């Protein structure tokens, strides 16, 4: 499993529910992109940046654009915005 920060250009899709940054864990980048697309649906905004295996050791809630805390980044799925706080 690999975790990613995936940054999107949401200027053309706002306010359809896409966050500007999604933290997601999956088998590989393609798997993670599918997880995110399945969650937020079309239209898919352009990806502007991908960070593989981000260091989350010193993450603070204000470090990401919306200021939310992290979910569980070791489970497959979206962990930012936090959606997996109770189960994978």
PDB file of N, CA and C in Angstrom:
ATOM      1  N   UNK A   1       0.838  -1.183   0.000  1.00  0.00           N
ATOM      2  CA  UNK A   1       0.000   0.000   0.000  1.00  0.00           C
ATOM      3  C   UNK A   1       0.883   1.247   0.000  1.00  0.00           C
ATOM      4  N   UNK A   2       0.443   2.231  -0.752  1.00  0.00           N
ATOM      5  CA  UNK A   2       1.162   3.496  -0.848  1.00  0.00           C
ATOM      6  C   UNK A   2       0.182   4.626  -0.588  1.00  0.00           C
ATOM      7  N   UNK A   3       0.637   5.629   0.141  1.00  0.00           N
ATOM      8  CA  UNK A   3      -0.237   6.785   0.378  1.00  0.00           C
ATOM      9  C   UNK A   3       0.208   7.953  -0.489  1.00  0.00           C
ATOM     10  N   UNK A   4      -0.762   8.787  -0.832  1.00  0.00           N
ATOM     11  CA  UNK A   4      -0.524   9.933  -1.713  1.00  0.00           C
ATOM     12  C   UNK A   4      -1.282  11.150  -1.223  1.00  0.00           C
ATOM     13  N   UNK A   5      -0.700  12.314  -1.461  1.00  0.00           N
ATOM     14  CA  UNK A   5      -1.447  13.563  -1.482  1.00  0.00           C
ATOM     15  C   UNK A   5      -1.699  13.832  -2.957  1.00  0.00           C
ATOM     16  N   UNK A   6      -2.937  13.993  -3.350  1.00  0.00           N
ATOM     17  CA  UNK A   6      -3.272  14.299  -4.737  1.00  0.00           C
ATOM     18  C   UNK A   6      -3.912  15.690  -4.757  1.00  0.00           C
ATOM     19  N   UNK A   7      -3.289  16.603  -5.486  1.00  0.00           N
ATOM     20  CA  UNK A   7      -3.760  17.983  -5.572  1.00  0.00           C
ATOM     21  C   UNK A   7      -4.548  18.148  -6.877  1.00  0.00           C
ATOM     22  N   UNK A   8      -5.694  18.816  -6.789  1.00  0.00           N
ATOM     23  CA  UNK A   8      -6.563  19.024  -7.943  1.00  0.00           C
ATOM     24  C   UNK A   8      -6.779  20.509  -8.206  1.00  0.00           C
ATOM     25  N   UNK A   9      -6.955  20.849  -9.467  1.00  0.00           N
ATOM     26  CA  UNK A   9      -7.367  22.198  -9.844  1.00  0.00           C
ATOM     27  C   UNK A   9      -8.893  22.180  -9.866  1.00  0.00           C
ATOM     28  N   UNK A  10      -9.498  22.664  -8.792  1.00  0.00           N
ATOM     29  CA  UNK A  10     -10.960  22.593  -8.683  1.00  0.00           C
ATOM     30  C   UNK A  10     -11.661  23.846  -9.204  1.00  0.00           C
ATOM     31  N   UNK A  11     -10.916  24.741  -9.830  1.00  0.00           N
ATOM     32  CA  UNK A  11     -11.517  25.994 -10.283  1.00  0.00           C
ATOM     33  C   UNK A  11     -12.659  25.773 -11.277  1.00  0.00           C
ATOM     34  N   UNK A  12     -12.599  24.728 -12.075  1.00  0.00           N
ATOM     35  CA  UNK A  12     -13.654  24.473 -13.067  1.00  0.00           C
ATOM     36  C   UNK A  12     -14.773  23.585 -12.522  1.00  0.00           C
ATOM     37  N   UNK A  13     -14.553  22.877 -11.412  1.00  0.00           N
ATOM     38  CA  UNK A  13     -15.567  21.956 -10.894  1.00  0.00           C
ATOM     39  C   UNK A  13     -16.219  22.443  -9.614  1.00  0.00           C
ATOM     40  N   UNK A  14     -15.660  23.458  -8.977  1.00  0.00           N
ATOM     41  CA  UNK A  14     -16.255  23.974  -7.755  1.00  0.00           C
ATOM     42  C   UNK A  14     -17.633  24.509  -8.083  1.00  0.00           C
ATOM     43  N   UNK A  15     -18.660  24.298  -7.330  1.00  0.00           N
ATOM     44  CA  UNK A  15     -18.730  23.723  -5.991  1.00  0.00           C
ATOM     45  C   UNK A  15     -19.220  22.278  -5.969  1.00  0.00           C
ATOM     46  N   UNK A  16     -18.798  21.449  -6.855  1.00  0.00           N
ATOM     47  CA  UNK A  16     -19.309  20.087  -6.961  1.00  0.00           C
ATOM     48  C   UNK A  16     -18.778  19.118  -5.914  1.00  0.00           C
ATOM     49  N   UNK A  17     -18.118  19.591  -4.887  1.00  0.00           N
ATOM     50  CA  UNK A  17     -17.721  18.738  -3.793  1.00  0.00           C
ATOM     51  C   UNK A  17     -16.299  18.231  -3.798  1.00  0.00           C
ATOM     52  N   UNK A  18     -15.525  18.566  -4.812  1.00  0.00           N
ATOM     53  CA  UNK A  18     -14.131  18.110  -4.840  1.00  0.00           C
ATOM     54  C   UNK A  18     -13.292  18.980  -3.927  1.00  0.00           C
ATOM     55  N   UNK A  19     -12.535  18.374  -3.001  1.00  0.00           N
ATOM     56  CA  UNK A  19     -11.583  19.164  -2.223  1.00  0.00           C
ATOM     57  C   UNK A  19     -10.337  19.452  -3.065  1.00  0.00           C
ATOM     58  N   UNK A  20      -9.583  20.491  -2.743  1.00  0.00           N
ATOM     59  CA  UNK A  20      -8.390  20.796  -3.525  1.00  0.00           C
ATOM     60  C   UNK A  20      -7.261  19.787  -3.328  1.00  0.00           C
ATOM     61  N   UNK A  21      -7.260  19.093  -2.188  1.00  0.00           N
ATOM     62  CA  UNK A  21      -6.242  18.096  -1.887  1.00  0.00           C
ATOM     63  C   UNK A  21      -6.935  16.888  -1.268  1.00  0.00           C
ATOM     64  N   UNK A  22      -6.545  15.696  -1.731  1.00  0.00           N
ATOM     65  CA  UNK A  22      -7.095  14.465  -1.170  1.00  0.00           C
ATOM     66  C   UNK A  22      -5.924  13.590  -0.726  1.00  0.00           C
ATOM     67  N   UNK A  23      -6.017  13.063   0.485  1.00  0.00           N
ATOM     68  CA  UNK A  23      -5.059  12.078   0.963  1.00  0.00           C
ATOM     69  C   UNK A  23      -5.688  10.706   0.807  1.00  0.00           C
ATOM     70  N   UNK A  24      -4.997   9.810   0.140  1.00  0.00           N
ATOM     71  CA  UNK A  24      -5.583   8.503  -0.167  1.00  0.00           C
ATOM     72  C   UNK A  24      -4.489   7.441  -0.163  1.00  0.00           C
ATOM     73  N   UNK A  25      -4.860   6.246   0.279  1.00  0.00           N
ATOM     74  CA  UNK A  25      -3.936   5.112   0.292  1.00  0.00           C
ATOM     75  C   UNK A  25      -4.510   4.009  -0.590  1.00  0.00           C
ATOM     76  N   UNK A  26      -3.647   3.390  -1.406  1.00  0.00           N
ATOM     77  CA  UNK A  26      -4.087   2.308  -2.276  1.00  0.00           C
ATOM     78  C   UNK A  26      -2.914   1.491  -2.772  1.00  0.00           C
ATOM     79  N   UNK A  27      -3.216   0.579  -3.691  1.00  0.00           N
ATOM     80  CA  UNK A  27      -2.195  -0.314  -4.237  1.00  0.00           C
ATOM     81  C   UNK A  27      -1.137   0.451  -5.028  1.00  0.00           C
ATOM     82  N   UNK A  28      -1.576   1.481  -5.751  1.00  0.00           N
ATOM     83  CA  UNK A  28      -0.683   2.309  -6.564  1.00  0.00           C
ATOM     84  C   UNK A  28      -1.438   3.594  -6.905  1.00  0.00           C
ATOM     85  N   UNK A  29      -0.832   4.473  -7.668  1.00  0.00           N
ATOM     86  CA  UNK A  29      -1.464   5.749  -7.981  1.00  0.00           C
ATOM     87  C   UNK A  29      -2.778   5.555  -8.742  1.00  0.00           C
ATOM     88  N   UNK A  30      -2.803   4.655  -9.716  1.00  0.00           N
ATOM     89  CA  UNK A  30      -4.043   4.434 -10.476  1.00  0.00           C
ATOM     90  C   UNK A  30      -5.180   3.974  -9.559  1.00  0.00           C
ATOM     91  N   UNK A  31      -4.880   3.084  -8.630  1.00  0.00           N
ATOM     92  CA  UNK A  31      -5.884   2.625  -7.671  1.00  0.00           C
ATOM     93  C   UNK A  31      -6.395   3.798  -6.837  1.00  0.00           C
ATOM     94  N   UNK A  32      -5.487   4.655  -6.389  1.00  0.00           N
ATOM     95  CA  UNK A  32      -5.887   5.804  -5.580  1.00  0.00           C
ATOM     96  C   UNK A  32      -6.741   6.792  -6.371  1.00  0.00           C
ATOM     97  N   UNK A  33      -6.373   7.023  -7.625  1.00  0.00           N
ATOM     98  CA  UNK A  33      -7.182   7.914  -8.466  1.00  0.00           C
ATOM     99  C   UNK A  33      -8.589   7.355  -8.663  1.00  0.00           C
ATOM    100  N   UNK A  34      -8.710   6.043  -8.805  1.00  0.00           N
ATOM    101  CA  UNK A  34     -10.028   5.407  -8.938  1.00  0.00           C
ATOM    102  C   UNK A  34     -10.834   5.547  -7.658  1.00  0.00           C
ATOM    103  N   UNK A  35     -10.185   5.381  -6.501  1.00  0.00           N
ATOM    104  CA  UNK A  35     -10.872   5.536  -5.220  1.00  0.00           C
ATOM    105  C   UNK A  35     -11.451   6.936  -5.100  1.00  0.00           C
ATOM    106  N   UNK A  36     -10.648   7.931  -5.424  1.00  0.00           N
ATOM    107  CA  UNK A  36     -11.085   9.323  -5.317  1.00  0.00           C
ATOM    108  C   UNK A  36     -12.207   9.612  -6.308  1.00  0.00           C
ATOM    109  N   UNK A  37     -12.057   9.155  -7.548  1.00  0.00           N
ATOM    110  CA  UNK A  37     -13.094   9.401  -8.547  1.00  0.00           C
ATOM    111  C   UNK A  37     -14.406   8.727  -8.144  1.00  0.00           C
ATOM    112  N   UNK A  38     -14.322   7.533  -7.604  1.00  0.00           N
ATOM    113  CA  UNK A  38     -15.527   6.823  -7.160  1.00  0.00           C
ATOM    114  C   UNK A  38     -16.222   7.598  -6.035  1.00  0.00           C
ATOM    115  N   UNK A  39     -15.451   8.187  -5.148  1.00  0.00           N
ATOM    116  CA  UNK A  39     -16.020   8.927  -4.020  1.00  0.00           C
ATOM    117  C   UNK A  39     -16.650  10.240  -4.461  1.00  0.00           C
ATOM    118  N   UNK A  40     -15.960  11.005  -5.303  1.00  0.00           N
ATOM    119  CA  UNK A  40     -16.422  12.345  -5.645  1.00  0.00           C
ATOM    120  C   UNK A  40     -17.125  12.430  -6.989  1.00  0.00           C
ATOM    121  N   UNK A  41     -16.944  11.439  -7.860  1.00  0.00           N
ATOM    122  CA  UNK A  41     -17.650  11.385  -9.127  1.00  0.00           C
ATOM    123  C   UNK A  41     -17.204  12.411 -10.149  1.00  0.00           C
ATOM    124  N   UNK A  42     -17.782  12.283 -11.354  1.00  0.00           N
ATOM    125  CA  UNK A  42     -17.431  13.233 -12.409  1.00  0.00           C
ATOM    126  C   UNK A  42     -18.111  14.579 -12.167  1.00  0.00           C
ATOM    127  N   UNK A  43     -17.612  15.630 -12.744  1.00  0.00           N
ATOM    128  CA  UNK A  43     -16.427  15.706 -13.586  1.00  0.00           C
ATOM    129  C   UNK A  43     -15.152  15.657 -12.741  1.00  0.00           C
ATOM    130  N   UNK A  44     -14.132  15.021 -13.266  1.00  0.00           N
ATOM    131  CA  UNK A  44     -12.861  14.894 -12.555  1.00  0.00           C
ATOM    132  C   UNK A  44     -11.988  16.103 -12.891  1.00  0.00           C
ATOM    133  N   UNK A  45     -11.612  16.878 -11.875  1.00  0.00           N
ATOM    134  CA  UNK A  45     -10.743  18.024 -12.165  1.00  0.00           C
ATOM    135  C   UNK A  45      -9.328  17.570 -12.488  1.00  0.00           C
ATOM    136  N   UNK A  46      -8.553  18.416 -13.150  1.00  0.00           N
ATOM    137  CA  UNK A  46      -7.177  18.050 -13.472  1.00  0.00           C
ATOM    138  C   UNK A  46      -6.318  17.897 -12.210  1.00  0.00           C
ATOM    139  N   UNK A  47      -5.447  16.902 -12.248  1.00  0.00           N
ATOM    140  CA  UNK A  47      -4.472  16.715 -11.170  1.00  0.00           C
ATOM    141  C   UNK A  47      -3.334  17.696 -11.417  1.00  0.00           C
ATOM    142  N   UNK A  48      -2.981  18.450 -10.383  1.00  0.00           N
ATOM    143  CA  UNK A  48      -1.910  19.430 -10.528  1.00  0.00           C
ATOM    144  C   UNK A  48      -0.614  18.981  -9.870  1.00  0.00           C
ATOM    145  N   UNK A  49      -0.712  18.073  -8.911  1.00  0.00           N
ATOM    146  CA  UNK A  49       0.494  17.624  -8.201  1.00  0.00           C
ATOM    147  C   UNK A  49       0.176  16.332  -7.466  1.00  0.00           C
ATOM    148  N   UNK A  50       1.149  15.440  -7.409  1.00  0.00           N
ATOM    149  CA  UNK A  50       1.027  14.189  -6.664  1.00  0.00           C
ATOM    150  C   UNK A  50       2.260  14.044  -5.781  1.00  0.00           C
ATOM    151  N   UNK A  51       2.033  13.775  -4.494  1.00  0.00           N
ATOM    152  CA  UNK A  51       3.134  13.536  -3.564  1.00  0.00           C
ATOM    153  C   UNK A  51       3.002  12.099  -3.076  1.00  0.00           C
ATOM    154  N   UNK A  52       3.976  11.269  -3.432  1.00  0.00           N
ATOM    155  CA  UNK A  52       3.972   9.870  -3.031  1.00  0.00           C
ATOM    156  C   UNK A  52       4.621   9.724  -1.658  1.00  0.00           C
ATOM    157  N   UNK A  53       4.006   8.911  -0.807  1.00  0.00           N
ATOM    158  CA  UNK A  53       4.507   8.651   0.551  1.00  0.00           C
ATOM    159  C   UNK A  53       4.847   9.927   1.317  1.00  0.00           C
ATOM    160  N   UNK A  54       3.876  10.833   1.481  1.00  0.00           N
ATOM    161  CA  UNK A  54       4.171  12.052   2.233  1.00  0.00           C
ATOM    162  C   UNK A  54       4.505  11.724   3.689  1.00  0.00           C
ATOM    163  N   UNK A  55       5.394  12.496   4.267  1.00  0.00           N
ATOM    164  CA  UNK A  55       5.756  12.336   5.671  1.00  0.00           C
ATOM    165  C   UNK A  55       4.654  12.956   6.518  1.00  0.00           C
ATOM    166  N   UNK A  56       3.971  12.136   7.274  1.00  0.00           N
ATOM    167  CA  UNK A  56       2.866  12.612   8.098  1.00  0.00           C
ATOM    168  C   UNK A  56       3.225  12.638   9.585  1.00  0.00           C
ATOM    169  N   UNK A  57       4.488  12.392   9.902  1.00  0.00           N
ATOM    170  CA  UNK A  57       4.914  12.296  11.298  1.00  0.00           C
ATOM    171  C   UNK A  57       4.636  13.579  12.080  1.00  0.00           C
ATOM    172  N   UNK A  58       4.747  14.717  11.437  1.00  0.00           N
ATOM    173  CA  UNK A  58       4.569  15.981  12.145  1.00  0.00           C
ATOM    174  C   UNK A  58       3.370  16.768  11.615  1.00  0.00           C
ATOM    175  N   UNK A  59       2.432  16.051  11.016  1.00  0.00           N
ATOM    176  CA  UNK A  59       1.254  16.704  10.434  1.00  0.00           C
ATOM    177  C   UNK A  59       0.423  17.359  11.532  1.00  0.00           C
ATOM    178  N   UNK A  60      -0.002  18.573  11.290  1.00  0.00           N
ATOM    179  CA  UNK A  60      -0.915  19.291  12.170  1.00  0.00           C
ATOM    180  C   UNK A  60      -2.174  19.604  11.371  1.00  0.00           C
ATOM    181  N   UNK A  61      -3.347  19.657  12.024  1.00  0.00           N
ATOM    182  CA  UNK A  61      -4.580  19.910  11.270  1.00  0.00           C
ATOM    183  C   UNK A  61      -4.540  21.140  10.376  1.00  0.00           C
ATOM    184  N   UNK A  62      -3.818  22.165  10.718  1.00  0.00           N
ATOM    185  CA  UNK A  62      -3.748  23.357   9.884  1.00  0.00           C
ATOM    186  C   UNK A  62      -2.812  23.233   8.695  1.00  0.00           C
ATOM    187  N   UNK A  63      -2.121  22.088   8.556  1.00  0.00           N
ATOM    188  CA  UNK A  63      -1.143  21.916   7.481  1.00  0.00           C
ATOM    189  C   UNK A  63      -1.775  21.721   6.107  1.00  0.00           C
ATOM    190  N   UNK A  64      -2.998  21.286   6.039  1.00  0.00           N
ATOM    191  CA  UNK A  64      -3.674  21.060   4.759  1.00  0.00           C
ATOM    192  C   UNK A  64      -4.692  22.183   4.535  1.00  0.00           C
ATOM    193  N   UNK A  65      -5.116  22.378   3.295  1.00  0.00           N
ATOM    194  CA  UNK A  65      -5.951  23.534   2.952  1.00  0.00           C
ATOM    195  C   UNK A  65      -7.195  23.744   3.798  1.00  0.00           C
ATOM    196  N   UNK A  66      -7.891  22.692   4.183  1.00  0.00           N
ATOM    197  CA  UNK A  66      -9.133  22.883   4.927  1.00  0.00           C
ATOM    198  C   UNK A  66      -8.943  22.770   6.438  1.00  0.00           C
ATOM    199  N   UNK A  67      -7.749  22.403   6.878  1.00  0.00           N
ATOM    200  CA  UNK A  67      -7.465  22.377   8.289  1.00  0.00           C
ATOM    201  C   UNK A  67      -8.035  21.202   9.067  1.00  0.00           C
ATOM    202  N   UNK A  68      -8.533  20.188   8.379  1.00  0.00           N
ATOM    203  CA  UNK A  68      -9.097  19.036   9.069  1.00  0.00           C
ATOM    204  C   UNK A  68      -7.995  18.123   9.600  1.00  0.00           C
ATOM    205  N   UNK A  69      -8.319  17.279  10.588  1.00  0.00           N
ATOM    206  CA  UNK A  69      -7.343  16.272  11.018  1.00  0.00           C
ATOM    207  C   UNK A  69      -7.281  15.149   9.988  1.00  0.00           C
ATOM    208  N   UNK A  70      -6.320  14.267  10.151  1.00  0.00           N
ATOM    209  CA  UNK A  70      -6.193  13.114   9.256  1.00  0.00           C
ATOM    210  C   UNK A  70      -7.112  11.987   9.690  1.00  0.00           C
ATOM    211  N   UNK A  71      -7.517  11.174   8.723  1.00  0.00           N
ATOM    212  CA  UNK A  71      -8.142   9.901   9.013  1.00  0.00           C
ATOM    213  C   UNK A  71      -7.025   8.897   9.274  1.00  0.00           C
ATOM    214  N   UNK A  72      -7.234   7.650   8.890  1.00  0.00           N
ATOM    215  CA  UNK A  72      -6.243   6.601   9.125  1.00  0.00           C
ATOM    216  C   UNK A  72      -5.508   6.321   7.813  1.00  0.00           C
ATOM    217  N   UNK A  73      -4.255   6.795   7.680  1.00  0.00           N
ATOM    218  CA  UNK A  73      -3.555   6.680   6.401  1.00  0.00           C
ATOM    219  C   UNK A  73      -2.985   5.300   6.095  1.00  0.00           C
ATOM    220  N   UNK A  74      -3.117   4.336   6.992  1.00  0.00           N
ATOM    221  CA  UNK A  74      -2.603   2.996   6.696  1.00  0.00           C
ATOM    222  C   UNK A  74      -3.675   2.096   6.100  1.00  0.00           C
ATOM    223  N   UNK A  75      -4.927   2.521   6.136  1.00  0.00           N
ATOM    224  CA  UNK A  75      -6.023   1.755   5.534  1.00  0.00           C
ATOM    225  C   UNK A  75      -6.218   2.198   4.094  1.00  0.00           C
ATOM    226  N   UNK A  76      -6.602   1.285   3.229  1.00  0.00           N
ATOM    227  CA  UNK A  76      -6.914   1.627   1.840  1.00  0.00           C
ATOM    228  C   UNK A  76      -8.143   2.529   1.830  1.00  0.00           C
ATOM    229  N   UNK A  77      -8.022   3.655   1.172  1.00  0.00           N
ATOM    230  CA  UNK A  77      -9.137   4.583   1.067  1.00  0.00           C
ATOM    231  C   UNK A  77      -8.703   6.009   1.330  1.00  0.00           C
ATOM    232  N   UNK A  78      -9.687   6.870   1.378  1.00  0.00           N
ATOM    233  CA  UNK A  78      -9.444   8.302   1.577  1.00  0.00           C
ATOM    234  C   UNK A  78      -9.290   8.589   3.064  1.00  0.00           C
ATOM    235  N   UNK A  79      -8.190   9.218   3.420  1.00  0.00           N
ATOM    236  CA  UNK A  79      -7.947   9.604   4.804  1.00  0.00           C
ATOM    237  C   UNK A  79      -7.886  11.113   4.994  1.00  0.00           C
ATOM    238  N   UNK A  80      -7.940  11.856   3.912  1.00  0.00           N
ATOM    239  CA  UNK A  80      -8.046  13.308   4.002  1.00  0.00           C
ATOM    240  C   UNK A  80      -8.798  13.825   2.792  1.00  0.00           C
ATOM    241  N   UNK A  81      -9.892  14.504   2.969  1.00  0.00           N
ATOM    242  CA  UNK A  81     -10.583  14.800   4.206  1.00  0.00           C
ATOM    243  C   UNK A  81     -10.937  13.508   4.946  1.00  0.00           C
ATOM    244  N   UNK A  82     -10.922  13.557   6.286  1.00  0.00           N
ATOM    245  CA  UNK A  82     -11.067  12.323   7.075  1.00  0.00           C
ATOM    246  C   UNK A  82     -12.437  11.673   6.903  1.00  0.00           C
ATOM    247  N   UNK A  83     -12.432  10.496   6.272  1.00  0.00           N
ATOM    248  CA  UNK A  83     -13.681   9.764   6.070  1.00  0.00           C
ATOM    249  C   UNK A  83     -13.604   8.357   6.645  1.00  0.00           C
ATOM    250  N   UNK A  84     -12.421   7.945   7.069  1.00  0.00           N
ATOM    251  CA  UNK A  84     -12.267   6.562   7.518  1.00  0.00           C
ATOM    252  C   UNK A  84     -11.848   6.508   8.981  1.00  0.00           C
ATOM    253  N   UNK A  85     -12.491   7.263   9.831  1.00  0.00           N
ATOM    254  CA  UNK A  85     -12.104   7.317  11.228  1.00  0.00           C
ATOM    255  C   UNK A  85     -12.590   6.107  12.032  1.00  0.00           C
ATOM    256  N   UNK A  86     -13.552   5.357  11.514  1.00  0.00           N
ATOM    257  CA  UNK A  86     -14.091   4.250  12.290  1.00  0.00           C
ATOM    258  C   UNK A  86     -13.782   2.883  11.720  1.00  0.00           C
ATOM    259  N   UNK A  87     -13.506   2.788  10.413  1.00  0.00           N
ATOM    260  CA  UNK A  87     -13.203   1.482   9.816  1.00  0.00           C
ATOM    261  C   UNK A  87     -12.611   1.698   8.426  1.00  0.00           C
ATOM    262  N   UNK A  88     -11.867   0.698   7.927  1.00  0.00           N
ATOM    263  CA  UNK A  88     -11.310   0.828   6.574  1.00  0.00           C
ATOM    264  C   UNK A  88     -12.385   0.725   5.507  1.00  0.00           C
TER     265      UNK A  88
END
